[in-house]
């Protein structure tokens, strides 16, 4: 994940509403810093949910096995679905 902006915590406290608008309008990811060190991240709910879904897929051993198998089939130019199965 890319951090689009870094904002000190003191500035974030006074500009919270602006920050929320910024992440929703531009889908930015903002790191909140304390003493110059990133300590927290603010992102839109849409980005957060997408990230959680991605992590769930990556953590699902069976699903990742199916994805790898499908990628290999595509690389080998094998049909992914037998057309007779669709009829």
PDB file of N, CA and C in Angstrom:
ATOM      1  N   UNK A   1       0.848  -1.172   0.000  1.00  0.00           N
ATOM      2  CA  UNK A   1       0.000   0.000   0.000  1.00  0.00           C
ATOM      3  C   UNK A   1       0.895   1.236   0.000  1.00  0.00           C
ATOM      4  N   UNK A   2       0.526   2.172  -0.787  1.00  0.00           N
ATOM      5  CA  UNK A   2       1.283   3.408  -0.896  1.00  0.00           C
ATOM      6  C   UNK A   2       0.693   4.470   0.024  1.00  0.00           C
ATOM      7  N   UNK A   3       1.558   5.167   0.726  1.00  0.00           N
ATOM      8  CA  UNK A   3       1.136   6.298   1.560  1.00  0.00           C
ATOM      9  C   UNK A   3       1.202   7.544   0.687  1.00  0.00           C
ATOM     10  N   UNK A   4       0.094   8.257   0.576  1.00  0.00           N
ATOM     11  CA  UNK A   4       0.034   9.432  -0.288  1.00  0.00           C
ATOM     12  C   UNK A   4       0.453  10.715   0.414  1.00  0.00           C
ATOM     13  N   UNK A   5       0.321  10.729   1.740  1.00  0.00           N
ATOM     14  CA  UNK A   5       0.607  11.958   2.468  1.00  0.00           C
ATOM     15  C   UNK A   5       0.934  11.629   3.918  1.00  0.00           C
ATOM     16  N   UNK A   6       1.765  12.445   4.518  1.00  0.00           N
ATOM     17  CA  UNK A   6       2.118  12.314   5.934  1.00  0.00           C
ATOM     18  C   UNK A   6       1.681  13.594   6.638  1.00  0.00           C
ATOM     19  N   UNK A   7       0.963  13.435   7.738  1.00  0.00           N
ATOM     20  CA  UNK A   7       0.468  14.599   8.481  1.00  0.00           C
ATOM     21  C   UNK A   7       0.795  14.414   9.960  1.00  0.00           C
ATOM     22  N   UNK A   8       1.390  15.433  10.576  1.00  0.00           N
ATOM     23  CA  UNK A   8       1.662  15.348  12.023  1.00  0.00           C
ATOM     24  C   UNK A   8       0.352  15.257  12.808  1.00  0.00           C
ATOM     25  N   UNK A   9       0.382  14.546  13.914  1.00  0.00           N
ATOM     26  CA  UNK A   9      -0.823  14.327  14.715  1.00  0.00           C
ATOM     27  C   UNK A   9      -1.446  15.642  15.170  1.00  0.00           C
ATOM     28  N   UNK A  10      -0.647  16.637  15.486  1.00  0.00           N
ATOM     29  CA  UNK A  10      -1.210  17.920  15.936  1.00  0.00           C
ATOM     30  C   UNK A  10      -2.007  18.582  14.818  1.00  0.00           C
ATOM     31  N   UNK A  11      -1.520  18.481  13.588  1.00  0.00           N
ATOM     32  CA  UNK A  11      -2.239  19.036  12.447  1.00  0.00           C
ATOM     33  C   UNK A  11      -3.474  18.183  12.140  1.00  0.00           C
ATOM     34  N   UNK A  12      -3.354  16.877  12.284  1.00  0.00           N
ATOM     35  CA  UNK A  12      -4.475  15.970  12.010  1.00  0.00           C
ATOM     36  C   UNK A  12      -5.639  16.241  12.962  1.00  0.00           C
ATOM     37  N   UNK A  13      -5.325  16.558  14.217  1.00  0.00           N
ATOM     38  CA  UNK A  13      -6.396  16.819  15.194  1.00  0.00           C
ATOM     39  C   UNK A  13      -7.239  18.008  14.768  1.00  0.00           C
ATOM     40  N   UNK A  14      -6.608  19.030  14.220  1.00  0.00           N
ATOM     41  CA  UNK A  14      -7.352  20.240  13.850  1.00  0.00           C
ATOM     42  C   UNK A  14      -7.985  20.140  12.463  1.00  0.00           C
ATOM     43  N   UNK A  15      -7.518  19.193  11.648  1.00  0.00           N
ATOM     44  CA  UNK A  15      -8.014  19.076  10.266  1.00  0.00           C
ATOM     45  C   UNK A  15      -8.701  17.740   9.983  1.00  0.00           C
ATOM     46  N   UNK A  16      -9.224  17.080  11.004  1.00  0.00           N
ATOM     47  CA  UNK A  16      -9.775  15.746  10.828  1.00  0.00           C
ATOM     48  C   UNK A  16     -10.871  15.693   9.765  1.00  0.00           C
ATOM     49  N   UNK A  17     -11.812  16.631   9.792  1.00  0.00           N
ATOM     50  CA  UNK A  17     -12.891  16.623   8.801  1.00  0.00           C
ATOM     51  C   UNK A  17     -12.331  16.788   7.388  1.00  0.00           C
ATOM     52  N   UNK A  18     -11.364  17.674   7.214  1.00  0.00           N
ATOM     53  CA  UNK A  18     -10.726  17.859   5.899  1.00  0.00           C
ATOM     54  C   UNK A  18     -10.023  16.577   5.447  1.00  0.00           C
ATOM     55  N   UNK A  19      -9.377  15.896   6.372  1.00  0.00           N
ATOM     56  CA  UNK A  19      -8.667  14.654   6.053  1.00  0.00           C
ATOM     57  C   UNK A  19      -9.662  13.592   5.601  1.00  0.00           C
ATOM     58  N   UNK A  20     -10.787  13.487   6.297  1.00  0.00           N
ATOM     59  CA  UNK A  20     -11.809  12.506   5.918  1.00  0.00           C
ATOM     60  C   UNK A  20     -12.346  12.811   4.529  1.00  0.00           C
ATOM     61  N   UNK A  21     -12.590  14.068   4.234  1.00  0.00           N
ATOM     62  CA  UNK A  21     -13.038  14.443   2.883  1.00  0.00           C
ATOM     63  C   UNK A  21     -11.984  14.079   1.841  1.00  0.00           C
ATOM     64  N   UNK A  22     -10.731  14.327   2.172  1.00  0.00           N
ATOM     65  CA  UNK A  22      -9.636  14.050   1.242  1.00  0.00           C
ATOM     66  C   UNK A  22      -9.550  12.560   0.916  1.00  0.00           C
ATOM     67  N   UNK A  23      -9.662  11.702   1.909  1.00  0.00           N
ATOM     68  CA  UNK A  23      -9.527  10.269   1.638  1.00  0.00           C
ATOM     69  C   UNK A  23     -10.728   9.731   0.869  1.00  0.00           C
ATOM     70  N   UNK A  24     -11.894  10.337   1.074  1.00  0.00           N
ATOM     71  CA  UNK A  24     -13.074   9.888   0.332  1.00  0.00           C
ATOM     72  C   UNK A  24     -13.096  10.422  -1.087  1.00  0.00           C
ATOM     73  N   UNK A  25     -12.654  11.661  -1.288  1.00  0.00           N
ATOM     74  CA  UNK A  25     -12.674  12.266  -2.620  1.00  0.00           C
ATOM     75  C   UNK A  25     -11.592  11.693  -3.523  1.00  0.00           C
ATOM     76  N   UNK A  26     -10.395  11.484  -2.969  1.00  0.00           N
ATOM     77  CA  UNK A  26      -9.263  11.060  -3.802  1.00  0.00           C
ATOM     78  C   UNK A  26      -8.768   9.667  -3.475  1.00  0.00           C
ATOM     79  N   UNK A  27      -9.372   9.023  -2.512  1.00  0.00           N
ATOM     80  CA  UNK A  27      -8.937   7.696  -2.062  1.00  0.00           C
ATOM     81  C   UNK A  27      -7.463   7.688  -1.654  1.00  0.00           C
ATOM     82  N   UNK A  28      -7.031   8.759  -1.024  1.00  0.00           N
ATOM     83  CA  UNK A  28      -5.664   8.832  -0.512  1.00  0.00           C
ATOM     84  C   UNK A  28      -5.525   7.976   0.738  1.00  0.00           C
ATOM     85  N   UNK A  29      -4.301   7.558   0.996  1.00  0.00           N
ATOM     86  CA  UNK A  29      -3.951   6.908   2.247  1.00  0.00           C
ATOM     87  C   UNK A  29      -3.005   7.861   2.967  1.00  0.00           C
ATOM     88  N   UNK A  30      -3.344   8.204   4.196  1.00  0.00           N
ATOM     89  CA  UNK A  30      -2.592   9.224   4.931  1.00  0.00           C
ATOM     90  C   UNK A  30      -2.000   8.618   6.191  1.00  0.00           C
ATOM     91  N   UNK A  31      -0.719   8.851   6.373  1.00  0.00           N
ATOM     92  CA  UNK A  31      -0.046   8.406   7.591  1.00  0.00           C
ATOM     93  C   UNK A  31      -0.042   9.565   8.582  1.00  0.00           C
ATOM     94  N   UNK A  32      -0.396   9.275   9.818  1.00  0.00           N
ATOM     95  CA  UNK A  32      -0.342  10.259  10.897  1.00  0.00           C
ATOM     96  C   UNK A  32       0.967  10.032  11.632  1.00  0.00           C
ATOM     97  N   UNK A  33       1.743  11.101  11.771  1.00  0.00           N
ATOM     98  CA  UNK A  33       3.052  10.977  12.413  1.00  0.00           C
ATOM     99  C   UNK A  33       3.047  11.604  13.798  1.00  0.00           C
ATOM    100  N   UNK A  34       3.895  11.056  14.649  1.00  0.00           N
ATOM    101  CA  UNK A  34       4.137  11.617  15.980  1.00  0.00           C
ATOM    102  C   UNK A  34       5.652  11.713  16.122  1.00  0.00           C
ATOM    103  N   UNK A  35       6.125  12.907  16.343  1.00  0.00           N
ATOM    104  CA  UNK A  35       7.568  13.173  16.401  1.00  0.00           C
ATOM    105  C   UNK A  35       8.259  12.710  15.123  1.00  0.00           C
ATOM    106  N   UNK A  36       7.559  12.892  13.985  1.00  0.00           N
ATOM    107  CA  UNK A  36       8.129  12.564  12.688  1.00  0.00           C
ATOM    108  C   UNK A  36       8.090  11.103  12.304  1.00  0.00           C
ATOM    109  N   UNK A  37       7.553  10.255  13.164  1.00  0.00           N
ATOM    110  CA  UNK A  37       7.508   8.813  12.907  1.00  0.00           C
ATOM    111  C   UNK A  37       6.058   8.405  12.615  1.00  0.00           C
ATOM    112  N   UNK A  38       5.811   7.721  11.480  1.00  0.00           N
ATOM    113  CA  UNK A  38       4.446   7.272  11.185  1.00  0.00           C
ATOM    114  C   UNK A  38       3.938   6.332  12.281  1.00  0.00           C
ATOM    115  N   UNK A  39       2.749   6.639  12.827  1.00  0.00           N
ATOM    116  CA  UNK A  39       2.186   5.851  13.925  1.00  0.00           C
ATOM    117  C   UNK A  39       0.808   5.274  13.614  1.00  0.00           C
ATOM    118  N   UNK A  40       0.117   5.851  12.606  1.00  0.00           N
ATOM    119  CA  UNK A  40      -1.219   5.371  12.262  1.00  0.00           C
ATOM    120  C   UNK A  40      -1.492   5.701  10.798  1.00  0.00           C
ATOM    121  N   UNK A  41      -2.500   5.036  10.260  1.00  0.00           N
ATOM    122  CA  UNK A  41      -2.886   5.261   8.868  1.00  0.00           C
ATOM    123  C   UNK A  41      -4.378   5.515   8.811  1.00  0.00           C
ATOM    124  N   UNK A  42      -4.761   6.482   7.982  1.00  0.00           N
ATOM    125  CA  UNK A  42      -6.172   6.755   7.732  1.00  0.00           C
ATOM    126  C   UNK A  42      -6.426   6.476   6.253  1.00  0.00           C
ATOM    127  N   UNK A  43      -7.467   5.672   6.002  1.00  0.00           N
ATOM    128  CA  UNK A  43      -7.866   5.366   4.622  1.00  0.00           C
ATOM    129  C   UNK A  43      -9.380   5.267   4.569  1.00  0.00           C
ATOM    130  N   UNK A  44      -9.925   5.282   3.362  1.00  0.00           N
ATOM    131  CA  UNK A  44     -11.375   5.177   3.213  1.00  0.00           C
ATOM    132  C   UNK A  44     -11.838   3.777   3.620  1.00  0.00           C
ATOM    133  N   UNK A  45     -13.092   3.676   3.984  1.00  0.00           N
ATOM    134  CA  UNK A  45     -13.664   2.369   4.317  1.00  0.00           C
ATOM    135  C   UNK A  45     -13.593   1.437   3.116  1.00  0.00           C
ATOM    136  N   UNK A  46     -13.788   1.980   1.929  1.00  0.00           N
ATOM    137  CA  UNK A  46     -13.729   1.162   0.713  1.00  0.00           C
ATOM    138  C   UNK A  46     -12.334   0.543   0.557  1.00  0.00           C
ATOM    139  N   UNK A  47     -11.298   1.345   0.762  1.00  0.00           N
ATOM    140  CA  UNK A  47      -9.936   0.816   0.679  1.00  0.00           C
ATOM    141  C   UNK A  47      -9.689  -0.225   1.770  1.00  0.00           C
ATOM    142  N   UNK A  48     -10.145   0.068   2.970  1.00  0.00           N
ATOM    143  CA  UNK A  48      -9.951  -0.846   4.093  1.00  0.00           C
ATOM    144  C   UNK A  48     -10.628  -2.188   3.832  1.00  0.00           C
ATOM    145  N   UNK A  49     -11.876  -2.140   3.367  1.00  0.00           N
ATOM    146  CA  UNK A  49     -12.608  -3.377   3.093  1.00  0.00           C
ATOM    147  C   UNK A  49     -11.949  -4.171   1.969  1.00  0.00           C
ATOM    148  N   UNK A  50     -11.457  -3.479   0.943  1.00  0.00           N
ATOM    149  CA  UNK A  50     -10.769  -4.161  -0.156  1.00  0.00           C
ATOM    150  C   UNK A  50      -9.490  -4.823   0.348  1.00  0.00           C
ATOM    151  N   UNK A  51      -8.765  -4.140   1.215  1.00  0.00           N
ATOM    152  CA  UNK A  51      -7.546  -4.697   1.778  1.00  0.00           C
ATOM    153  C   UNK A  51      -7.852  -5.926   2.635  1.00  0.00           C
ATOM    154  N   UNK A  52      -8.898  -5.857   3.442  1.00  0.00           N
ATOM    155  CA  UNK A  52      -9.284  -7.003   4.275  1.00  0.00           C
ATOM    156  C   UNK A  52      -9.697  -8.187   3.411  1.00  0.00           C
ATOM    157  N   UNK A  53     -10.438  -7.916   2.345  1.00  0.00           N
ATOM    158  CA  UNK A  53     -10.855  -8.986   1.439  1.00  0.00           C
ATOM    159  C   UNK A  53      -9.645  -9.637   0.781  1.00  0.00           C
ATOM    160  N   UNK A  54      -8.694  -8.818   0.357  1.00  0.00           N
ATOM    161  CA  UNK A  54      -7.460  -9.342  -0.243  1.00  0.00           C
ATOM    162  C   UNK A  54      -6.703 -10.204   0.747  1.00  0.00           C
ATOM    163  N   UNK A  55      -6.598  -9.756   1.982  1.00  0.00           N
ATOM    164  CA  UNK A  55      -5.897 -10.541   3.000  1.00  0.00           C
ATOM    165  C   UNK A  55      -6.614 -11.858   3.272  1.00  0.00           C
ATOM    166  N   UNK A  56      -7.941 -11.830   3.249  1.00  0.00           N
ATOM    167  CA  UNK A  56      -8.699 -13.065   3.467  1.00  0.00           C
ATOM    168  C   UNK A  56      -8.451 -14.053   2.333  1.00  0.00           C
ATOM    169  N   UNK A  57      -8.412 -13.560   1.109  1.00  0.00           N
ATOM    170  CA  UNK A  57      -8.138 -14.434  -0.039  1.00  0.00           C
ATOM    171  C   UNK A  57      -6.732 -15.002   0.053  1.00  0.00           C
ATOM    172  N   UNK A  58      -5.758 -14.135   0.341  1.00  0.00           N
ATOM    173  CA  UNK A  58      -4.371 -14.599   0.449  1.00  0.00           C
ATOM    174  C   UNK A  58      -4.189 -15.601   1.579  1.00  0.00           C
ATOM    175  N   UNK A  59      -5.006 -15.497   2.608  1.00  0.00           N
ATOM    176  CA  UNK A  59      -4.913 -16.420   3.741  1.00  0.00           C
ATOM    177  C   UNK A  59      -5.695 -17.711   3.546  1.00  0.00           C
ATOM    178  N   UNK A  60      -6.478 -17.794   2.482  1.00  0.00           N
ATOM    179  CA  UNK A  60      -7.282 -18.981   2.198  1.00  0.00           C
ATOM    180  C   UNK A  60      -6.455 -19.926   1.323  1.00  0.00           C
ATOM    181  N   UNK A  61      -5.909 -20.969   1.932  1.00  0.00           N
ATOM    182  CA  UNK A  61      -4.999 -21.887   1.242  1.00  0.00           C
ATOM    183  C   UNK A  61      -5.658 -22.509   0.023  1.00  0.00           C
ATOM    184  N   UNK A  62      -6.886 -22.943   0.170  1.00  0.00           N
ATOM    185  CA  UNK A  62      -7.581 -23.615  -0.941  1.00  0.00           C
ATOM    186  C   UNK A  62      -7.838 -22.653  -2.099  1.00  0.00           C
ATOM    187  N   UNK A  63      -8.266 -21.440  -1.788  1.00  0.00           N
ATOM    188  CA  UNK A  63      -8.531 -20.467  -2.832  1.00  0.00           C
ATOM    189  C   UNK A  63      -7.248 -20.090  -3.576  1.00  0.00           C
ATOM    190  N   UNK A  64      -6.157 -19.913  -2.834  1.00  0.00           N
ATOM    191  CA  UNK A  64      -4.879 -19.579  -3.478  1.00  0.00           C
ATOM    192  C   UNK A  64      -4.413 -20.732  -4.365  1.00  0.00           C
ATOM    193  N   UNK A  65      -4.670 -21.954  -3.948  1.00  0.00           N
ATOM    194  CA  UNK A  65      -4.322 -23.117  -4.768  1.00  0.00           C
ATOM    195  C   UNK A  65      -5.102 -23.072  -6.083  1.00  0.00           C
ATOM    196  N   UNK A  66      -6.388 -22.742  -6.009  1.00  0.00           N
ATOM    197  CA  UNK A  66      -7.213 -22.639  -7.215  1.00  0.00           C
ATOM    198  C   UNK A  66      -6.731 -21.512  -8.121  1.00  0.00           C
ATOM    199  N   UNK A  67      -6.359 -20.386  -7.542  1.00  0.00           N
ATOM    200  CA  UNK A  67      -5.869 -19.246  -8.329  1.00  0.00           C
ATOM    201  C   UNK A  67      -4.582 -19.626  -9.045  1.00  0.00           C
ATOM    202  N   UNK A  68      -3.652 -20.268  -8.330  1.00  0.00           N
ATOM    203  CA  UNK A  68      -2.394 -20.687  -8.958  1.00  0.00           C
ATOM    204  C   UNK A  68      -2.644 -21.677 -10.094  1.00  0.00           C
ATOM    205  N   UNK A  69      -3.566 -22.591  -9.870  1.00  0.00           N
ATOM    206  CA  UNK A  69      -3.916 -23.576 -10.892  1.00  0.00           C
ATOM    207  C   UNK A  69      -4.488 -22.870 -12.123  1.00  0.00           C
ATOM    208  N   UNK A  70      -5.372 -21.925 -11.916  1.00  0.00           N
ATOM    209  CA  UNK A  70      -5.967 -21.176 -13.031  1.00  0.00           C
ATOM    210  C   UNK A  70      -4.912 -20.370 -13.775  1.00  0.00           C
ATOM    211  N   UNK A  71      -4.001 -19.740 -13.053  1.00  0.00           N
ATOM    212  CA  UNK A  71      -2.914 -18.982 -13.702  1.00  0.00           C
ATOM    213  C   UNK A  71      -2.076 -19.894 -14.575  1.00  0.00           C
ATOM    214  N   UNK A  72      -1.773 -21.093 -14.087  1.00  0.00           N
ATOM    215  CA  UNK A  72      -0.993 -22.039 -14.879  1.00  0.00           C
ATOM    216  C   UNK A  72      -1.751 -22.460 -16.135  1.00  0.00           C
ATOM    217  N   UNK A  73      -3.052 -22.675 -15.997  1.00  0.00           N
ATOM    218  CA  UNK A  73      -3.862 -23.038 -17.155  1.00  0.00           C
ATOM    219  C   UNK A  73      -3.861 -21.936 -18.204  1.00  0.00           C
ATOM    220  N   UNK A  74      -3.931 -20.685 -17.760  1.00  0.00           N
ATOM    221  CA  UNK A  74      -3.894 -19.557 -18.692  1.00  0.00           C
ATOM    222  C   UNK A  74      -2.521 -19.493 -19.376  1.00  0.00           C
ATOM    223  N   UNK A  75      -1.442 -19.643 -18.605  1.00  0.00           N
ATOM    224  CA  UNK A  75      -0.090 -19.615 -19.181  1.00  0.00           C
ATOM    225  C   UNK A  75       0.100 -20.709 -20.220  1.00  0.00           C
ATOM    226  N   UNK A  76      -0.495 -21.867 -19.962  1.00  0.00           N
ATOM    227  CA  UNK A  76      -0.362 -23.006 -20.875  1.00  0.00           C
ATOM    228  C   UNK A  76      -1.406 -22.972 -21.982  1.00  0.00           C
ATOM    229  N   UNK A  77      -2.205 -21.895 -22.008  1.00  0.00           N
ATOM    230  CA  UNK A  77      -3.225 -21.698 -23.041  1.00  0.00           C
ATOM    231  C   UNK A  77      -4.252 -22.835 -23.056  1.00  0.00           C
ATOM    232  N   UNK A  78      -4.517 -23.404 -21.883  1.00  0.00           N
ATOM    233  CA  UNK A  78      -5.533 -24.449 -21.757  1.00  0.00           C
ATOM    234  C   UNK A  78      -6.873 -23.789 -21.472  1.00  0.00           C
ATOM    235  N   UNK A  79      -7.946 -24.337 -21.995  1.00  0.00           N
ATOM    236  CA  UNK A  79      -9.260 -23.750 -21.697  1.00  0.00           C
ATOM    237  C   UNK A  79      -9.579 -23.904 -20.210  1.00  0.00           C
ATOM    238  N   UNK A  80     -10.111 -22.846 -19.643  1.00  0.00           N
ATOM    239  CA  UNK A  80     -10.448 -22.876 -18.222  1.00  0.00           C
ATOM    240  C   UNK A  80     -11.751 -23.619 -17.968  1.00  0.00           C
ATOM    241  N   UNK A  81     -12.643 -23.610 -18.969  1.00  0.00           N
ATOM    242  CA  UNK A  81     -13.936 -24.264 -18.832  1.00  0.00           C
ATOM    243  C   UNK A  81     -14.154 -25.103 -20.086  1.00  0.00           C
ATOM    244  N   UNK A  82     -14.555 -26.323 -19.898  1.00  0.00           N
ATOM    245  CA  UNK A  82     -14.910 -27.173 -21.024  1.00  0.00           C
ATOM    246  C   UNK A  82     -16.257 -26.713 -21.535  1.00  0.00           C
ATOM    247  N   UNK A  83     -16.321 -26.320 -22.803  1.00  0.00           N
ATOM    248  CA  UNK A  83     -17.557 -25.783 -23.367  1.00  0.00           C
ATOM    249  C   UNK A  83     -18.719 -26.763 -23.244  1.00  0.00           C
ATOM    250  N   UNK A  84     -18.456 -28.064 -23.277  1.00  0.00           N
ATOM    251  CA  UNK A  84     -19.520 -29.040 -23.132  1.00  0.00           C
ATOM    252  C   UNK A  84     -20.151 -28.991 -21.742  1.00  0.00           C
ATOM    253  N   UNK A  85     -19.375 -28.584 -20.742  1.00  0.00           N
ATOM    254  CA  UNK A  85     -19.917 -28.463 -19.388  1.00  0.00           C
ATOM    255  C   UNK A  85     -20.930 -27.326 -19.270  1.00  0.00           C
ATOM    256  N   UNK A  86     -20.847 -26.360 -20.175  1.00  0.00           N
ATOM    257  CA  UNK A  86     -21.753 -25.214 -20.124  1.00  0.00           C
ATOM    258  C   UNK A  86     -23.112 -25.518 -20.753  1.00  0.00           C
ATOM    259  N   UNK A  87     -23.175 -26.544 -21.567  1.00  0.00           N
ATOM    260  CA  UNK A  87     -24.434 -26.868 -22.267  1.00  0.00           C
ATOM    261  C   UNK A  87     -25.327 -27.750 -21.463  1.00  0.00           C
TER     262      UNK A  87
END
